[in-house]
């Protein structure tokens, strides 16, 4: 049984406008207080999803949701040929260089070309870098991401395909999402006494990947009795073909956005405690009646 929740687009637009307005305040935020919430405090979720002797709320680790773990499944779902997908490694010594790129972007609103060239030169001096460089010939288009996130928030074309290694470095270096990924990996490597692992995934660009047709599915721990659930994104392409996009963490304390839901307000629904009924949330533009 499925219940459909229709949210007027005006509410979503007003929420987006409030987020945008916050950018000009002393405490800017990219997170909504109504929709697509994430990283709640424990006190936010306890009223709707209390803990028990068998279940406690925890911040889930990223490791089980790493893209490279699920890449074979995702590649099959998207019908990618072997030549259309590659997983390589960014050498650990380049982490500091990419962080320097990010610092330059934050300080000057740009990344000097000389700095980008230095990173590319250092990268292509390694065997892994030369293998990656062969993909970026200036003609073929690639979707690029790290294990945890893509640089889609980069102001330097984060949602566009990459055709050169310089573009890859520019987008990785100007992305706050990537910055967070690199810091987490560095902290984990130091704590575990190992070398940093920075996989980079390159999939051939697919013009049919329309974000407007992408949906997030939430799979809670059964009856909220286990530590972790998961969520996954799917895209409905022309002809009704459904493909897996990525696997994400689950939970109010996670960094996974709740899309048209709110982890705290809709906790019982998202955690599967609302009578077992599945809920599908969609927003419609009232004037034209389009999804």
C-alpha atoms as a PDB file:
ATOM      1  CA  UNK A   1       0.000   0.000   0.000  1.00  0.00           C
ATOM      2  CA  UNK A   2       1.324   3.441  -0.916  1.00  0.00           C
ATOM      3  CA  UNK A   3       0.280   6.885   0.210  1.00  0.00           C
ATOM      4  CA  UNK A   4       1.084   9.836  -2.053  1.00  0.00           C
ATOM      5  CA  UNK A   5       1.985  13.159  -0.468  1.00  0.00           C
ATOM      6  CA  UNK A   6       1.665  16.084  -2.867  1.00  0.00           C
ATOM      7  CA  UNK A   7       3.569  19.190  -1.803  1.00  0.00           C
ATOM      8  CA  UNK A   8       2.733  22.506  -3.504  1.00  0.00           C
ATOM      9  CA  UNK A   9       5.759  23.718  -5.403  1.00  0.00           C
ATOM     10  CA  UNK A  10       5.277  27.177  -3.874  1.00  0.00           C
ATOM     11  CA  UNK A  11       6.300  25.739  -0.480  1.00  0.00           C
ATOM     12  CA  UNK A  12       9.460  24.207  -1.915  1.00  0.00           C
ATOM     13  CA  UNK A  13      10.286  27.424  -3.779  1.00  0.00           C
ATOM     14  CA  UNK A  14       9.791  29.516  -0.630  1.00  0.00           C
ATOM     15  CA  UNK A  15      12.086  27.194   1.289  1.00  0.00           C
ATOM     16  CA  UNK A  16      14.743  27.442  -1.430  1.00  0.00           C
ATOM     17  CA  UNK A  17      14.430  31.236  -1.368  1.00  0.00           C
ATOM     18  CA  UNK A  18      14.952  31.254   2.410  1.00  0.00           C
ATOM     19  CA  UNK A  19      18.135  29.217   2.004  1.00  0.00           C
ATOM     20  CA  UNK A  20      19.390  31.604  -0.656  1.00  0.00           C
ATOM     21  CA  UNK A  21      18.602  34.614   1.540  1.00  0.00           C
ATOM     22  CA  UNK A  22      20.648  33.107   4.365  1.00  0.00           C
ATOM     23  CA  UNK A  23      23.781  33.341   2.216  1.00  0.00           C
ATOM     24  CA  UNK A  24      23.929  37.070   2.941  1.00  0.00           C
ATOM     25  CA  UNK A  25      23.745  36.638   6.720  1.00  0.00           C
ATOM     26  CA  UNK A  26      26.534  36.132   9.297  1.00  0.00           C
ATOM     27  CA  UNK A  27      25.536  32.443   9.485  1.00  0.00           C
ATOM     28  CA  UNK A  28      24.899  31.235   5.924  1.00  0.00           C
ATOM     29  CA  UNK A  29      23.482  27.759   5.453  1.00  0.00           C
ATOM     30  CA  UNK A  30      22.885  25.511   2.481  1.00  0.00           C
ATOM     31  CA  UNK A  31      20.527  23.332   4.499  1.00  0.00           C
ATOM     32  CA  UNK A  32      16.768  23.667   4.619  1.00  0.00           C
ATOM     33  CA  UNK A  33      14.843  23.750   7.865  1.00  0.00           C
ATOM     34  CA  UNK A  34      11.762  22.288   6.173  1.00  0.00           C
ATOM     35  CA  UNK A  35      12.834  19.988   3.350  1.00  0.00           C
ATOM     36  CA  UNK A  36      15.961  17.936   2.647  1.00  0.00           C
ATOM     37  CA  UNK A  37      17.156  18.227   6.232  1.00  0.00           C
ATOM     38  CA  UNK A  38      20.251  16.349   7.427  1.00  0.00           C
ATOM     39  CA  UNK A  39      22.688  16.067  10.329  1.00  0.00           C
ATOM     40  CA  UNK A  40      20.092  16.622  13.036  1.00  0.00           C
ATOM     41  CA  UNK A  41      20.849  16.700  16.726  1.00  0.00           C
ATOM     42  CA  UNK A  42      19.815  13.626  18.691  1.00  0.00           C
ATOM     43  CA  UNK A  43      17.220  15.712  20.521  1.00  0.00           C
ATOM     44  CA  UNK A  44      15.524  16.489  17.198  1.00  0.00           C
ATOM     45  CA  UNK A  45      14.690  12.890  16.318  1.00  0.00           C
ATOM     46  CA  UNK A  46      14.040  11.315  19.734  1.00  0.00           C
ATOM     47  CA  UNK A  47      10.443  12.610  20.083  1.00  0.00           C
ATOM     48  CA  UNK A  48       9.323  10.798  16.915  1.00  0.00           C
ATOM     49  CA  UNK A  49      11.758   7.857  16.925  1.00  0.00           C
ATOM     50  CA  UNK A  50      12.753   7.028  20.516  1.00  0.00           C
ATOM     51  CA  UNK A  51      15.683   4.782  21.311  1.00  0.00           C
ATOM     52  CA  UNK A  52      15.183   1.348  22.849  1.00  0.00           C
ATOM     53  CA  UNK A  53      17.160  -1.539  24.291  1.00  0.00           C
ATOM     54  CA  UNK A  54      17.813  -2.763  20.735  1.00  0.00           C
ATOM     55  CA  UNK A  55      18.089   0.499  18.820  1.00  0.00           C
ATOM     56  CA  UNK A  56      20.081   3.687  19.274  1.00  0.00           C
ATOM     57  CA  UNK A  57      20.590   6.593  16.907  1.00  0.00           C
ATOM     58  CA  UNK A  58      24.131   6.837  15.593  1.00  0.00           C
ATOM     59  CA  UNK A  59      25.961   8.794  12.938  1.00  0.00           C
ATOM     60  CA  UNK A  60      26.568   6.122  10.285  1.00  0.00           C
ATOM     61  CA  UNK A  61      30.055   5.646   8.853  1.00  0.00           C
ATOM     62  CA  UNK A  62      30.570   6.404   5.176  1.00  0.00           C
ATOM     63  CA  UNK A  63      32.532   3.226   4.441  1.00  0.00           C
ATOM     64  CA  UNK A  64      29.579   0.846   3.765  1.00  0.00           C
ATOM     65  CA  UNK A  65      28.128   3.325   1.272  1.00  0.00           C
ATOM     66  CA  UNK A  66      31.317   4.005  -0.699  1.00  0.00           C
ATOM     67  CA  UNK A  67      30.555   4.316  -4.401  1.00  0.00           C
ATOM     68  CA  UNK A  68      33.363   1.949  -5.377  1.00  0.00           C
ATOM     69  CA  UNK A  69      31.792  -0.853  -3.299  1.00  0.00           C
ATOM     70  CA  UNK A  70      28.587  -0.539  -5.284  1.00  0.00           C
ATOM     71  CA  UNK A  71      30.106   0.504  -8.605  1.00  0.00           C
ATOM     72  CA  UNK A  72      29.683  -2.933 -10.287  1.00  0.00           C
ATOM     73  CA  UNK A  73      25.971  -2.955  -9.411  1.00  0.00           C
ATOM     74  CA  UNK A  74      25.521   0.653 -10.506  1.00  0.00           C
ATOM     75  CA  UNK A  75      27.411   0.044 -13.756  1.00  0.00           C
ATOM     76  CA  UNK A  76      25.185  -2.944 -14.581  1.00  0.00           C
ATOM     77  CA  UNK A  77      22.065  -0.971 -13.739  1.00  0.00           C
ATOM     78  CA  UNK A  78      23.173   1.887 -16.014  1.00  0.00           C
ATOM     79  CA  UNK A  79      24.320  -0.573 -18.699  1.00  0.00           C
ATOM     80  CA  UNK A  80      27.813   0.868 -18.756  1.00  0.00           C
ATOM     81  CA  UNK A  81      30.361  -0.989 -20.851  1.00  0.00           C
ATOM     82  CA  UNK A  82      33.791  -1.695 -19.376  1.00  0.00           C
ATOM     83  CA  UNK A  83      35.265   1.106 -21.495  1.00  0.00           C
ATOM     84  CA  UNK A  84      32.648   3.550 -20.184  1.00  0.00           C
ATOM     85  CA  UNK A  85      33.617   3.360 -16.525  1.00  0.00           C
ATOM     86  CA  UNK A  86      36.911   3.520 -14.654  1.00  0.00           C
ATOM     87  CA  UNK A  87      38.028   3.652 -11.029  1.00  0.00           C
ATOM     88  CA  UNK A  88      41.487   5.080 -10.343  1.00  0.00           C
ATOM     89  CA  UNK A  89      43.401   6.436  -7.363  1.00  0.00           C
ATOM     90  CA  UNK A  90      44.408   9.989  -6.588  1.00  0.00           C
ATOM     91  CA  UNK A  91      47.852   9.711  -4.930  1.00  0.00           C
ATOM     92  CA  UNK A  92      47.661  10.545  -1.243  1.00  0.00           C
ATOM     93  CA  UNK A  93      50.340  13.233  -1.581  1.00  0.00           C
ATOM     94  CA  UNK A  94      47.953  15.216  -3.805  1.00  0.00           C
ATOM     95  CA  UNK A  95      45.515  15.694  -0.921  1.00  0.00           C
ATOM     96  CA  UNK A  96      47.437  18.707   0.364  1.00  0.00           C
ATOM     97  CA  UNK A  97      47.609  20.149  -3.162  1.00  0.00           C
ATOM     98  CA  UNK A  98      43.848  19.824  -3.619  1.00  0.00           C
ATOM     99  CA  UNK A  99      43.308  21.427  -0.226  1.00  0.00           C
ATOM    100  CA  UNK A 100      45.569  24.285  -1.343  1.00  0.00           C
ATOM    101  CA  UNK A 101      43.359  24.690  -4.403  1.00  0.00           C
ATOM    102  CA  UNK A 102      40.329  24.887  -2.154  1.00  0.00           C
ATOM    103  CA  UNK A 103      41.991  27.443   0.129  1.00  0.00           C
ATOM    104  CA  UNK A 104      42.838  29.563  -2.917  1.00  0.00           C
ATOM    105  CA  UNK A 105      39.255  29.344  -4.132  1.00  0.00           C
ATOM    106  CA  UNK A 106      37.849  30.405  -0.751  1.00  0.00           C
ATOM    107  CA  UNK A 107      40.343  33.266  -0.373  1.00  0.00           C
ATOM    108  CA  UNK A 108      40.375  34.646  -3.916  1.00  0.00           C
ATOM    109  CA  UNK A 109      37.290  33.211  -5.618  1.00  0.00           C
ATOM    110  CA  UNK A 110      39.558  31.587  -8.172  1.00  0.00           C
ATOM    111  CA  UNK A 111      42.231  28.917  -8.493  1.00  0.00           C
ATOM    112  CA  UNK A 112      45.392  30.081 -10.222  1.00  0.00           C
ATOM    113  CA  UNK A 113      46.136  28.241 -13.441  1.00  0.00           C
ATOM    114  CA  UNK A 114      49.726  27.737 -12.309  1.00  0.00           C
ATOM    115  CA  UNK A 115      48.485  25.872  -9.231  1.00  0.00           C
ATOM    116  CA  UNK A 116      46.200  23.697 -11.357  1.00  0.00           C
ATOM    117  CA  UNK A 117      49.084  22.947 -13.720  1.00  0.00           C
ATOM    118  CA  UNK A 118      51.285  21.941 -10.774  1.00  0.00           C
ATOM    119  CA  UNK A 119      48.672  19.477  -9.527  1.00  0.00           C
ATOM    120  CA  UNK A 120      48.141  17.996 -13.001  1.00  0.00           C
ATOM    121  CA  UNK A 121      51.896  17.664 -13.535  1.00  0.00           C
ATOM    122  CA  UNK A 122      52.390  15.928 -10.180  1.00  0.00           C
ATOM    123  CA  UNK A 123      49.416  13.631 -10.807  1.00  0.00           C
ATOM    124  CA  UNK A 124      50.464  12.599 -14.319  1.00  0.00           C
ATOM    125  CA  UNK A 125      53.983  11.872 -13.074  1.00  0.00           C
ATOM    126  CA  UNK A 126      52.484   8.750 -11.453  1.00  0.00           C
ATOM    127  CA  UNK A 127      51.323   5.606 -13.244  1.00  0.00           C
ATOM    128  CA  UNK A 128      47.779   6.041 -11.900  1.00  0.00           C
ATOM    129  CA  UNK A 129      47.764   9.641 -13.112  1.00  0.00           C
ATOM    130  CA  UNK A 130      48.862   8.682 -16.618  1.00  0.00           C
ATOM    131  CA  UNK A 131      46.071   6.099 -16.814  1.00  0.00           C
ATOM    132  CA  UNK A 132      43.504   8.696 -15.796  1.00  0.00           C
ATOM    133  CA  UNK A 133      44.950  11.275 -18.199  1.00  0.00           C
ATOM    134  CA  UNK A 134      44.276   8.942 -21.141  1.00  0.00           C
ATOM    135  CA  UNK A 135      40.554   9.225 -20.446  1.00  0.00           C
ATOM    136  CA  UNK A 136      40.543  13.015 -20.587  1.00  0.00           C
ATOM    137  CA  UNK A 137      41.490  13.710 -24.181  1.00  0.00           C
ATOM    138  CA  UNK A 138      39.469  16.923 -24.526  1.00  0.00           C
ATOM    139  CA  UNK A 139      36.761  15.151 -26.528  1.00  0.00           C
ATOM    140  CA  UNK A 140      35.180  12.395 -24.458  1.00  0.00           C
ATOM    141  CA  UNK A 141      32.866  13.606 -21.691  1.00  0.00           C
ATOM    142  CA  UNK A 142      33.026  12.140 -18.201  1.00  0.00           C
ATOM    143  CA  UNK A 143      31.058  12.280 -14.967  1.00  0.00           C
ATOM    144  CA  UNK A 144      33.602  12.422 -12.144  1.00  0.00           C
ATOM    145  CA  UNK A 145      33.158  11.778  -8.432  1.00  0.00           C
ATOM    146  CA  UNK A 146      35.000  10.630  -5.330  1.00  0.00           C
ATOM    147  CA  UNK A 147      33.940   7.637  -3.243  1.00  0.00           C
ATOM    148  CA  UNK A 148      31.610   9.656  -1.030  1.00  0.00           C
ATOM    149  CA  UNK A 149      30.466  12.582  -3.157  1.00  0.00           C
ATOM    150  CA  UNK A 150      30.717  14.333  -6.489  1.00  0.00           C
ATOM    151  CA  UNK A 151      31.896  17.947  -6.903  1.00  0.00           C
ATOM    152  CA  UNK A 152      28.450  18.987  -8.139  1.00  0.00           C
ATOM    153  CA  UNK A 153      28.534  22.032  -5.843  1.00  0.00           C
ATOM    154  CA  UNK A 154      31.613  23.449  -7.581  1.00  0.00           C
ATOM    155  CA  UNK A 155      30.865  26.915  -8.991  1.00  0.00           C
ATOM    156  CA  UNK A 156      33.239  26.043 -11.829  1.00  0.00           C
ATOM    157  CA  UNK A 157      30.838  23.798 -13.719  1.00  0.00           C
ATOM    158  CA  UNK A 158      30.251  21.162 -11.061  1.00  0.00           C
ATOM    159  CA  UNK A 159      27.174  19.807 -12.828  1.00  0.00           C
ATOM    160  CA  UNK A 160      28.832  19.697 -16.244  1.00  0.00           C
ATOM    161  CA  UNK A 161      30.937  16.905 -17.775  1.00  0.00           C
ATOM    162  CA  UNK A 162      34.730  16.941 -17.557  1.00  0.00           C
ATOM    163  CA  UNK A 163      36.807  16.586 -20.714  1.00  0.00           C
ATOM    164  CA  UNK A 164      40.297  17.479 -19.422  1.00  0.00           C
ATOM    165  CA  UNK A 165      42.292  16.690 -16.313  1.00  0.00           C
ATOM    166  CA  UNK A 166      42.575  20.434 -15.650  1.00  0.00           C
ATOM    167  CA  UNK A 167      38.781  20.612 -15.392  1.00  0.00           C
ATOM    168  CA  UNK A 168      38.811  17.706 -12.941  1.00  0.00           C
ATOM    169  CA  UNK A 169      41.338  19.454 -10.684  1.00  0.00           C
ATOM    170  CA  UNK A 170      39.480  22.784 -10.871  1.00  0.00           C
ATOM    171  CA  UNK A 171      36.181  21.209  -9.839  1.00  0.00           C
ATOM    172  CA  UNK A 172      37.620  19.035  -7.111  1.00  0.00           C
ATOM    173  CA  UNK A 173      39.546  22.005  -5.744  1.00  0.00           C
ATOM    174  CA  UNK A 174      36.560  24.375  -5.681  1.00  0.00           C
ATOM    175  CA  UNK A 175      34.025  21.950  -4.175  1.00  0.00           C
ATOM    176  CA  UNK A 176      33.092  22.178  -0.500  1.00  0.00           C
ATOM    177  CA  UNK A 177      31.731  18.622  -0.701  1.00  0.00           C
ATOM    178  CA  UNK A 178      35.084  17.308  -1.912  1.00  0.00           C
ATOM    179  CA  UNK A 179      36.882  19.391   0.719  1.00  0.00           C
ATOM    180  CA  UNK A 180      34.859  17.638   3.422  1.00  0.00           C
ATOM    181  CA  UNK A 181      35.567  14.224   1.888  1.00  0.00           C
ATOM    182  CA  UNK A 182      39.315  14.846   1.842  1.00  0.00           C
ATOM    183  CA  UNK A 183      39.370  16.033   5.450  1.00  0.00           C
ATOM    184  CA  UNK A 184      37.380  12.986   6.602  1.00  0.00           C
ATOM    185  CA  UNK A 185      39.669  10.594   4.753  1.00  0.00           C
ATOM    186  CA  UNK A 186      42.775  12.268   6.148  1.00  0.00           C
ATOM    187  CA  UNK A 187      41.414  12.080   9.701  1.00  0.00           C
ATOM    188  CA  UNK A 188      40.418   8.417   9.242  1.00  0.00           C
ATOM    189  CA  UNK A 189      43.829   7.529   7.806  1.00  0.00           C
ATOM    190  CA  UNK A 190      45.640   9.201  10.706  1.00  0.00           C
ATOM    191  CA  UNK A 191      43.425   7.496  13.270  1.00  0.00           C
ATOM    192  CA  UNK A 192      43.845   4.074  11.647  1.00  0.00           C
ATOM    193  CA  UNK A 193      47.562   4.484  10.943  1.00  0.00           C
ATOM    194  CA  UNK A 194      47.295   3.936   7.192  1.00  0.00           C
ATOM    195  CA  UNK A 195      47.875   5.790   3.958  1.00  0.00           C
ATOM    196  CA  UNK A 196      45.023   7.839   2.545  1.00  0.00           C
ATOM    197  CA  UNK A 197      42.827   6.159  -0.065  1.00  0.00           C
ATOM    198  CA  UNK A 198      41.240   8.573  -2.546  1.00  0.00           C
ATOM    199  CA  UNK A 199      39.465   6.673  -5.332  1.00  0.00           C
ATOM    200  CA  UNK A 200      38.160   8.702  -8.252  1.00  0.00           C
ATOM    201  CA  UNK A 201      35.341   7.297 -10.374  1.00  0.00           C
ATOM    202  CA  UNK A 202      34.944   8.260 -14.023  1.00  0.00           C
ATOM    203  CA  UNK A 203      31.751   7.278 -15.876  1.00  0.00           C
ATOM    204  CA  UNK A 204      30.990   8.263 -19.433  1.00  0.00           C
ATOM    205  CA  UNK A 205      28.663  11.260 -19.446  1.00  0.00           C
ATOM    206  CA  UNK A 206      25.013  10.353 -20.023  1.00  0.00           C
ATOM    207  CA  UNK A 207      22.831  13.173 -21.355  1.00  0.00           C
ATOM    208  CA  UNK A 208      19.788  11.186 -20.230  1.00  0.00           C
ATOM    209  CA  UNK A 209      20.683  11.650 -16.548  1.00  0.00           C
ATOM    210  CA  UNK A 210      18.080  14.325 -15.839  1.00  0.00           C
ATOM    211  CA  UNK A 211      18.097  15.333 -12.158  1.00  0.00           C
ATOM    212  CA  UNK A 212      14.424  16.299 -12.464  1.00  0.00           C
ATOM    213  CA  UNK A 213      13.643  12.585 -12.892  1.00  0.00           C
ATOM    214  CA  UNK A 214      15.738  11.426  -9.938  1.00  0.00           C
ATOM    215  CA  UNK A 215      14.196  10.007  -6.766  1.00  0.00           C
ATOM    216  CA  UNK A 216      15.542   8.969  -3.356  1.00  0.00           C
ATOM    217  CA  UNK A 217      14.348   5.788  -1.658  1.00  0.00           C
ATOM    218  CA  UNK A 218      14.702   5.410   2.120  1.00  0.00           C
ATOM    219  CA  UNK A 219      15.225   1.921   3.567  1.00  0.00           C
ATOM    220  CA  UNK A 220      15.160   2.064   7.386  1.00  0.00           C
ATOM    221  CA  UNK A 221      16.587  -0.512   9.776  1.00  0.00           C
ATOM    222  CA  UNK A 222      13.801  -3.123  10.156  1.00  0.00           C
ATOM    223  CA  UNK A 223      11.427  -1.769  12.776  1.00  0.00           C
ATOM    224  CA  UNK A 224      14.192   0.634  13.868  1.00  0.00           C
ATOM    225  CA  UNK A 225      15.857  -2.304  15.638  1.00  0.00           C
ATOM    226  CA  UNK A 226      19.246  -2.216  13.888  1.00  0.00           C
ATOM    227  CA  UNK A 227      21.953   0.428  13.840  1.00  0.00           C
ATOM    228  CA  UNK A 228      21.922   1.390  10.166  1.00  0.00           C
ATOM    229  CA  UNK A 229      19.638   1.476   7.179  1.00  0.00           C
ATOM    230  CA  UNK A 230      20.448   2.938   3.793  1.00  0.00           C
ATOM    231  CA  UNK A 231      18.990   5.090   1.068  1.00  0.00           C
ATOM    232  CA  UNK A 232      19.520   4.941  -2.644  1.00  0.00           C
ATOM    233  CA  UNK A 233      18.888   7.235  -5.581  1.00  0.00           C
ATOM    234  CA  UNK A 234      17.260   6.058  -8.792  1.00  0.00           C
ATOM    235  CA  UNK A 235      16.513   7.804 -12.048  1.00  0.00           C
ATOM    236  CA  UNK A 236      13.522   7.138 -14.277  1.00  0.00           C
ATOM    237  CA  UNK A 237      14.676   7.551 -17.856  1.00  0.00           C
ATOM    238  CA  UNK A 238      12.678   7.838 -21.049  1.00  0.00           C
ATOM    239  CA  UNK A 239      10.579   4.744 -21.615  1.00  0.00           C
ATOM    240  CA  UNK A 240      10.252   4.095 -17.887  1.00  0.00           C
ATOM    241  CA  UNK A 241      13.693   2.499 -17.489  1.00  0.00           C
ATOM    242  CA  UNK A 242      14.811   2.742 -13.842  1.00  0.00           C
ATOM    243  CA  UNK A 243      18.532   2.887 -13.047  1.00  0.00           C
ATOM    244  CA  UNK A 244      20.462   3.060  -9.768  1.00  0.00           C
ATOM    245  CA  UNK A 245      22.448   6.285  -9.312  1.00  0.00           C
ATOM    246  CA  UNK A 246      24.131   5.827  -5.923  1.00  0.00           C
ATOM    247  CA  UNK A 247      23.833   4.385  -2.416  1.00  0.00           C
ATOM    248  CA  UNK A 248      23.703   6.756   0.575  1.00  0.00           C
ATOM    249  CA  UNK A 249      23.609   6.558   4.380  1.00  0.00           C
ATOM    250  CA  UNK A 250      20.321   6.630   6.270  1.00  0.00           C
ATOM    251  CA  UNK A 251      19.202   8.452   9.366  1.00  0.00           C
ATOM    252  CA  UNK A 252      18.534  11.800  10.965  1.00  0.00           C
ATOM    253  CA  UNK A 253      22.118  12.037  12.226  1.00  0.00           C
ATOM    254  CA  UNK A 254      23.577  11.252   8.801  1.00  0.00           C
ATOM    255  CA  UNK A 255      24.548  13.690   6.079  1.00  0.00           C
ATOM    256  CA  UNK A 256      21.908  12.249   3.761  1.00  0.00           C
ATOM    257  CA  UNK A 257      19.335  14.863   2.778  1.00  0.00           C
ATOM    258  CA  UNK A 258      15.695  13.892   3.314  1.00  0.00           C
ATOM    259  CA  UNK A 259      14.588  15.426  -0.027  1.00  0.00           C
ATOM    260  CA  UNK A 260      10.885  16.349   0.274  1.00  0.00           C
ATOM    261  CA  UNK A 261      10.741  14.913   3.771  1.00  0.00           C
ATOM    262  CA  UNK A 262      12.090  16.181   7.086  1.00  0.00           C
ATOM    263  CA  UNK A 263      13.968  13.699   9.264  1.00  0.00           C
ATOM    264  CA  UNK A 264      12.538  15.111  12.497  1.00  0.00           C
ATOM    265  CA  UNK A 265       8.961  15.884  11.456  1.00  0.00           C
ATOM    266  CA  UNK A 266       8.570  12.792   9.294  1.00  0.00           C
ATOM    267  CA  UNK A 267      10.650  10.487  11.448  1.00  0.00           C
ATOM    268  CA  UNK A 268       8.010   7.800  11.921  1.00  0.00           C
ATOM    269  CA  UNK A 269       7.412   7.567   8.179  1.00  0.00           C
ATOM    270  CA  UNK A 270      11.091   7.506   7.238  1.00  0.00           C
ATOM    271  CA  UNK A 271      11.970   4.964   9.929  1.00  0.00           C
ATOM    272  CA  UNK A 272       9.101   2.673   8.907  1.00  0.00           C
ATOM    273  CA  UNK A 273       7.159   3.047  12.135  1.00  0.00           C
ATOM    274  CA  UNK A 274       3.940   4.409  10.643  1.00  0.00           C
ATOM    275  CA  UNK A 275       1.986   1.210  10.157  1.00  0.00           C
ATOM    276  CA  UNK A 276       4.215  -0.136   7.405  1.00  0.00           C
ATOM    277  CA  UNK A 277       2.692   2.150   4.796  1.00  0.00           C
ATOM    278  CA  UNK A 278       5.015   3.399   2.056  1.00  0.00           C
ATOM    279  CA  UNK A 279       4.830   7.122   1.354  1.00  0.00           C
ATOM    280  CA  UNK A 280       5.751   8.772  -1.946  1.00  0.00           C
ATOM    281  CA  UNK A 281       6.369  12.533  -1.806  1.00  0.00           C
ATOM    282  CA  UNK A 282       6.165  14.651  -4.926  1.00  0.00           C
ATOM    283  CA  UNK A 283       5.970  18.369  -5.609  1.00  0.00           C
ATOM    284  CA  UNK A 284       3.837  19.870  -8.350  1.00  0.00           C
ATOM    285  CA  UNK A 285       4.024  23.281  -9.937  1.00  0.00           C
ATOM    286  CA  UNK A 286       0.449  24.372  -9.413  1.00  0.00           C
ATOM    287  CA  UNK A 287       0.204  26.780 -12.355  1.00  0.00           C
ATOM    288  CA  UNK A 288       1.064  24.170 -14.938  1.00  0.00           C
ATOM    289  CA  UNK A 289       0.401  20.993 -13.018  1.00  0.00           C
ATOM    290  CA  UNK A 290       3.806  19.588 -13.882  1.00  0.00           C
ATOM    291  CA  UNK A 291       5.919  17.404 -11.623  1.00  0.00           C
END
